[in-house]
């Protein structure tokens, strides 16, 4: 295991830590610190058929709608662990487990939605550091009403 690999692995792990910080602070417009502009996201396993994010802008818009102050989602707490990282030059592949708590508000005040799953990502080294270029998001276990993480109706 080389020193460069350890440096890269740590930097990649910090991308996931930053992702959690941004989501929990609801500062979604800072996702440029995590994703490339053309990053794609496949959320079909966790959220249903056809839930694909074609770029960072659509991902940010979805986060504002489903997790932001006008959504049914209040406070959140995201955690990551079990980092499995493979680095090949300026490209990397990572599988990272997550656990996320979401407290309801609005239509779902008093409810809680919990998720356990995995981010499987392709990352690239950019001038600003490592960024996620493609994500496959899966949920292994969930508890509570998923609609806590949805836009309010009306």
C-alpha atoms as a PDB file:
ATOM      1  CA  UNK A   1       0.000   0.000   0.000  1.00  0.00           C
ATOM      2  CA  UNK A   2       1.619   3.239  -1.137  1.00  0.00           C
ATOM      3  CA  UNK A   3       1.616   6.587   0.612  1.00  0.00           C
ATOM      4  CA  UNK A   4      -0.161   8.094  -2.412  1.00  0.00           C
ATOM      5  CA  UNK A   5      -2.965   5.526  -2.097  1.00  0.00           C
ATOM      6  CA  UNK A   6      -3.415   6.386   1.585  1.00  0.00           C
ATOM      7  CA  UNK A   7      -3.511  10.108   0.771  1.00  0.00           C
ATOM      8  CA  UNK A   8      -6.069   9.531  -2.020  1.00  0.00           C
ATOM      9  CA  UNK A   9      -8.184   7.199   0.116  1.00  0.00           C
ATOM     10  CA  UNK A  10      -8.345   9.756   2.917  1.00  0.00           C
ATOM     11  CA  UNK A  11      -9.268  12.532   0.483  1.00  0.00           C
ATOM     12  CA  UNK A  12     -12.019  10.355  -1.015  1.00  0.00           C
ATOM     13  CA  UNK A  13     -13.398   9.487   2.417  1.00  0.00           C
ATOM     14  CA  UNK A  14     -13.560  13.216   3.173  1.00  0.00           C
ATOM     15  CA  UNK A  15     -15.771  13.698   0.075  1.00  0.00           C
ATOM     16  CA  UNK A  16     -18.362  11.460   1.761  1.00  0.00           C
ATOM     17  CA  UNK A  17     -18.004  13.238   5.091  1.00  0.00           C
ATOM     18  CA  UNK A  18     -18.533  16.559   3.300  1.00  0.00           C
ATOM     19  CA  UNK A  19     -21.609  15.151   1.541  1.00  0.00           C
ATOM     20  CA  UNK A  20     -23.139  14.345   4.935  1.00  0.00           C
ATOM     21  CA  UNK A  21     -22.299  17.807   6.264  1.00  0.00           C
ATOM     22  CA  UNK A  22     -23.908  19.501   3.261  1.00  0.00           C
ATOM     23  CA  UNK A  23     -27.083  17.404   3.394  1.00  0.00           C
ATOM     24  CA  UNK A  24     -27.525  17.815   7.140  1.00  0.00           C
ATOM     25  CA  UNK A  25     -26.884  21.575   6.963  1.00  0.00           C
ATOM     26  CA  UNK A  26     -29.250  21.750   3.956  1.00  0.00           C
ATOM     27  CA  UNK A  27     -26.668  23.786   2.028  1.00  0.00           C
ATOM     28  CA  UNK A  28     -27.361  21.767  -1.119  1.00  0.00           C
ATOM     29  CA  UNK A  29     -25.886  24.378  -3.452  1.00  0.00           C
ATOM     30  CA  UNK A  30     -22.475  23.368  -2.053  1.00  0.00           C
ATOM     31  CA  UNK A  31     -22.717  19.957  -3.739  1.00  0.00           C
ATOM     32  CA  UNK A  32     -20.109  21.182  -6.244  1.00  0.00           C
ATOM     33  CA  UNK A  33     -17.706  20.152  -3.465  1.00  0.00           C
ATOM     34  CA  UNK A  34     -18.862  16.527  -3.880  1.00  0.00           C
ATOM     35  CA  UNK A  35     -20.102  15.987  -7.464  1.00  0.00           C
ATOM     36  CA  UNK A  36     -18.787  16.899 -10.904  1.00  0.00           C
ATOM     37  CA  UNK A  37     -21.084  19.135 -12.954  1.00  0.00           C
ATOM     38  CA  UNK A  38     -22.002  16.203 -15.219  1.00  0.00           C
ATOM     39  CA  UNK A  39     -22.376  13.661 -12.398  1.00  0.00           C
ATOM     40  CA  UNK A  40     -25.101  11.082 -12.899  1.00  0.00           C
ATOM     41  CA  UNK A  41     -27.075   9.375 -10.172  1.00  0.00           C
ATOM     42  CA  UNK A  42     -29.068   6.150 -10.408  1.00  0.00           C
ATOM     43  CA  UNK A  43     -31.631   6.048  -7.606  1.00  0.00           C
ATOM     44  CA  UNK A  44     -33.994   3.467  -9.148  1.00  0.00           C
ATOM     45  CA  UNK A  45     -33.372   0.689  -6.603  1.00  0.00           C
ATOM     46  CA  UNK A  46     -34.141   2.938  -3.641  1.00  0.00           C
ATOM     47  CA  UNK A  47     -36.672   5.386  -5.063  1.00  0.00           C
ATOM     48  CA  UNK A  48     -38.370   3.602  -7.952  1.00  0.00           C
ATOM     49  CA  UNK A  49     -38.116   3.026 -11.696  1.00  0.00           C
ATOM     50  CA  UNK A  50     -36.721   5.877 -13.753  1.00  0.00           C
ATOM     51  CA  UNK A  51     -35.347   7.919 -10.848  1.00  0.00           C
ATOM     52  CA  UNK A  52     -32.146   9.020 -12.563  1.00  0.00           C
ATOM     53  CA  UNK A  53     -30.336  12.279 -11.961  1.00  0.00           C
ATOM     54  CA  UNK A  54     -28.670  13.329 -15.240  1.00  0.00           C
ATOM     55  CA  UNK A  55     -26.402  15.993 -13.709  1.00  0.00           C
ATOM     56  CA  UNK A  56     -25.456  17.858 -10.539  1.00  0.00           C
ATOM     57  CA  UNK A  57     -28.022  20.625 -11.107  1.00  0.00           C
ATOM     58  CA  UNK A  58     -30.906  18.143 -11.150  1.00  0.00           C
ATOM     59  CA  UNK A  59     -29.569  16.439  -8.026  1.00  0.00           C
ATOM     60  CA  UNK A  60     -29.398  19.778  -6.205  1.00  0.00           C
ATOM     61  CA  UNK A  61     -32.925  20.686  -7.344  1.00  0.00           C
ATOM     62  CA  UNK A  62     -34.214  17.340  -6.074  1.00  0.00           C
ATOM     63  CA  UNK A  63     -32.534  17.865  -2.711  1.00  0.00           C
ATOM     64  CA  UNK A  64     -34.106  21.315  -2.341  1.00  0.00           C
ATOM     65  CA  UNK A  65     -37.546  19.888  -3.206  1.00  0.00           C
ATOM     66  CA  UNK A  66     -37.409  16.724  -1.096  1.00  0.00           C
ATOM     67  CA  UNK A  67     -35.166  17.652   1.843  1.00  0.00           C
ATOM     68  CA  UNK A  68     -35.286  21.460   1.924  1.00  0.00           C
ATOM     69  CA  UNK A  69     -37.243  23.800   4.202  1.00  0.00           C
ATOM     70  CA  UNK A  70     -40.418  23.594   2.085  1.00  0.00           C
ATOM     71  CA  UNK A  71     -40.414  19.768   2.065  1.00  0.00           C
ATOM     72  CA  UNK A  72     -41.806  17.244   4.539  1.00  0.00           C
ATOM     73  CA  UNK A  73     -38.251  16.659   5.802  1.00  0.00           C
ATOM     74  CA  UNK A  74     -36.947  18.489   8.830  1.00  0.00           C
ATOM     75  CA  UNK A  75     -33.654  17.747  10.528  1.00  0.00           C
ATOM     76  CA  UNK A  76     -31.486  14.957   9.137  1.00  0.00           C
ATOM     77  CA  UNK A  77     -28.425  13.074  10.323  1.00  0.00           C
ATOM     78  CA  UNK A  78     -26.299  11.208   7.759  1.00  0.00           C
ATOM     79  CA  UNK A  79     -23.421   8.866   8.604  1.00  0.00           C
ATOM     80  CA  UNK A  80     -20.979   6.966   6.381  1.00  0.00           C
ATOM     81  CA  UNK A  81     -18.617   4.059   6.993  1.00  0.00           C
ATOM     82  CA  UNK A  82     -17.220   0.770   5.682  1.00  0.00           C
ATOM     83  CA  UNK A  83     -15.229   2.585   2.999  1.00  0.00           C
ATOM     84  CA  UNK A  84     -14.006   0.300   0.228  1.00  0.00           C
ATOM     85  CA  UNK A  85     -11.908   2.405  -2.139  1.00  0.00           C
ATOM     86  CA  UNK A  86      -9.954   1.383  -5.235  1.00  0.00           C
ATOM     87  CA  UNK A  87      -7.760   4.054  -6.857  1.00  0.00           C
ATOM     88  CA  UNK A  88      -6.323   3.877 -10.369  1.00  0.00           C
ATOM     89  CA  UNK A  89      -4.457   7.084 -11.176  1.00  0.00           C
ATOM     90  CA  UNK A  90      -7.003   9.905 -11.485  1.00  0.00           C
ATOM     91  CA  UNK A  91     -10.000   7.561 -11.248  1.00  0.00           C
ATOM     92  CA  UNK A  92     -11.447   5.726  -8.276  1.00  0.00           C
ATOM     93  CA  UNK A  93     -14.307   3.415  -7.405  1.00  0.00           C
ATOM     94  CA  UNK A  94     -15.850   3.426  -3.941  1.00  0.00           C
ATOM     95  CA  UNK A  95     -18.505   1.481  -2.088  1.00  0.00           C
ATOM     96  CA  UNK A  96     -19.569   3.233   1.095  1.00  0.00           C
ATOM     97  CA  UNK A  97     -22.312   2.295   3.545  1.00  0.00           C
ATOM     98  CA  UNK A  98     -24.623   4.983   4.864  1.00  0.00           C
ATOM     99  CA  UNK A  99     -27.151   5.361   7.646  1.00  0.00           C
ATOM    100  CA  UNK A 100     -29.516   8.309   7.480  1.00  0.00           C
ATOM    101  CA  UNK A 101     -32.193   9.627   9.820  1.00  0.00           C
ATOM    102  CA  UNK A 102     -34.880  12.045   8.640  1.00  0.00           C
ATOM    103  CA  UNK A 103     -37.357  13.770  10.959  1.00  0.00           C
ATOM    104  CA  UNK A 104     -40.687  14.738   9.459  1.00  0.00           C
ATOM    105  CA  UNK A 105     -42.196  18.193   9.370  1.00  0.00           C
ATOM    106  CA  UNK A 106     -45.274  19.689   7.741  1.00  0.00           C
ATOM    107  CA  UNK A 107     -47.519  16.831   6.588  1.00  0.00           C
ATOM    108  CA  UNK A 108     -45.263  14.338   8.437  1.00  0.00           C
ATOM    109  CA  UNK A 109     -44.504  16.179  11.656  1.00  0.00           C
ATOM    110  CA  UNK A 110     -43.618  13.690  14.385  1.00  0.00           C
ATOM    111  CA  UNK A 111     -42.655  10.926  11.931  1.00  0.00           C
ATOM    112  CA  UNK A 112     -39.166   9.524  11.426  1.00  0.00           C
ATOM    113  CA  UNK A 113     -37.709   7.813   8.356  1.00  0.00           C
ATOM    114  CA  UNK A 114     -34.499   5.769   8.652  1.00  0.00           C
ATOM    115  CA  UNK A 115     -32.409   4.316   5.830  1.00  0.00           C
ATOM    116  CA  UNK A 116     -29.405   1.994   5.660  1.00  0.00           C
ATOM    117  CA  UNK A 117     -27.733   1.402   2.319  1.00  0.00           C
ATOM    118  CA  UNK A 118     -24.783   1.960   0.023  1.00  0.00           C
ATOM    119  CA  UNK A 119     -23.307   4.555  -2.293  1.00  0.00           C
ATOM    120  CA  UNK A 120     -21.416   2.900  -5.149  1.00  0.00           C
ATOM    121  CA  UNK A 121     -19.514   5.644  -6.922  1.00  0.00           C
ATOM    122  CA  UNK A 122     -17.028   6.348  -9.660  1.00  0.00           C
ATOM    123  CA  UNK A 123     -14.861   9.322  -8.745  1.00  0.00           C
ATOM    124  CA  UNK A 124     -12.403  11.462 -10.664  1.00  0.00           C
ATOM    125  CA  UNK A 125      -9.534  13.632  -9.510  1.00  0.00           C
ATOM    126  CA  UNK A 126     -10.164  17.265 -10.484  1.00  0.00           C
ATOM    127  CA  UNK A 127      -8.179  20.446  -9.924  1.00  0.00           C
ATOM    128  CA  UNK A 128     -10.386  20.953  -6.842  1.00  0.00           C
ATOM    129  CA  UNK A 129      -9.877  17.416  -5.507  1.00  0.00           C
ATOM    130  CA  UNK A 130     -11.809  14.160  -5.806  1.00  0.00           C
ATOM    131  CA  UNK A 131     -15.418  14.373  -7.021  1.00  0.00           C
ATOM    132  CA  UNK A 132     -18.174  11.834  -7.634  1.00  0.00           C
ATOM    133  CA  UNK A 133     -18.831  11.385 -11.367  1.00  0.00           C
ATOM    134  CA  UNK A 134     -21.427   8.576 -11.203  1.00  0.00           C
ATOM    135  CA  UNK A 135     -23.448   7.204  -8.292  1.00  0.00           C
ATOM    136  CA  UNK A 136     -25.602   4.127  -7.837  1.00  0.00           C
ATOM    137  CA  UNK A 137     -27.634   4.605  -4.666  1.00  0.00           C
ATOM    138  CA  UNK A 138     -29.192   1.595  -2.972  1.00  0.00           C
ATOM    139  CA  UNK A 139     -31.219   1.113   0.164  1.00  0.00           C
ATOM    140  CA  UNK A 140     -30.930  -2.210   2.010  1.00  0.00           C
ATOM    141  CA  UNK A 141     -33.249  -1.426   4.922  1.00  0.00           C
ATOM    142  CA  UNK A 142     -35.683   1.372   5.663  1.00  0.00           C
ATOM    143  CA  UNK A 143     -38.070   2.099   8.494  1.00  0.00           C
ATOM    144  CA  UNK A 144     -40.880   4.629   8.665  1.00  0.00           C
ATOM    145  CA  UNK A 145     -42.759   6.561   6.000  1.00  0.00           C
ATOM    146  CA  UNK A 146     -40.561   7.318   2.972  1.00  0.00           C
ATOM    147  CA  UNK A 147     -42.772  10.309   2.231  1.00  0.00           C
ATOM    148  CA  UNK A 148     -40.897  12.161   4.998  1.00  0.00           C
ATOM    149  CA  UNK A 149     -38.311  12.767   2.244  1.00  0.00           C
ATOM    150  CA  UNK A 150     -40.777  14.265  -0.221  1.00  0.00           C
ATOM    151  CA  UNK A 151     -41.953  17.643  -1.407  1.00  0.00           C
ATOM    152  CA  UNK A 152     -45.019  19.067   0.328  1.00  0.00           C
ATOM    153  CA  UNK A 153     -48.199  19.009  -1.687  1.00  0.00           C
ATOM    154  CA  UNK A 154     -50.180  22.230  -1.837  1.00  0.00           C
END
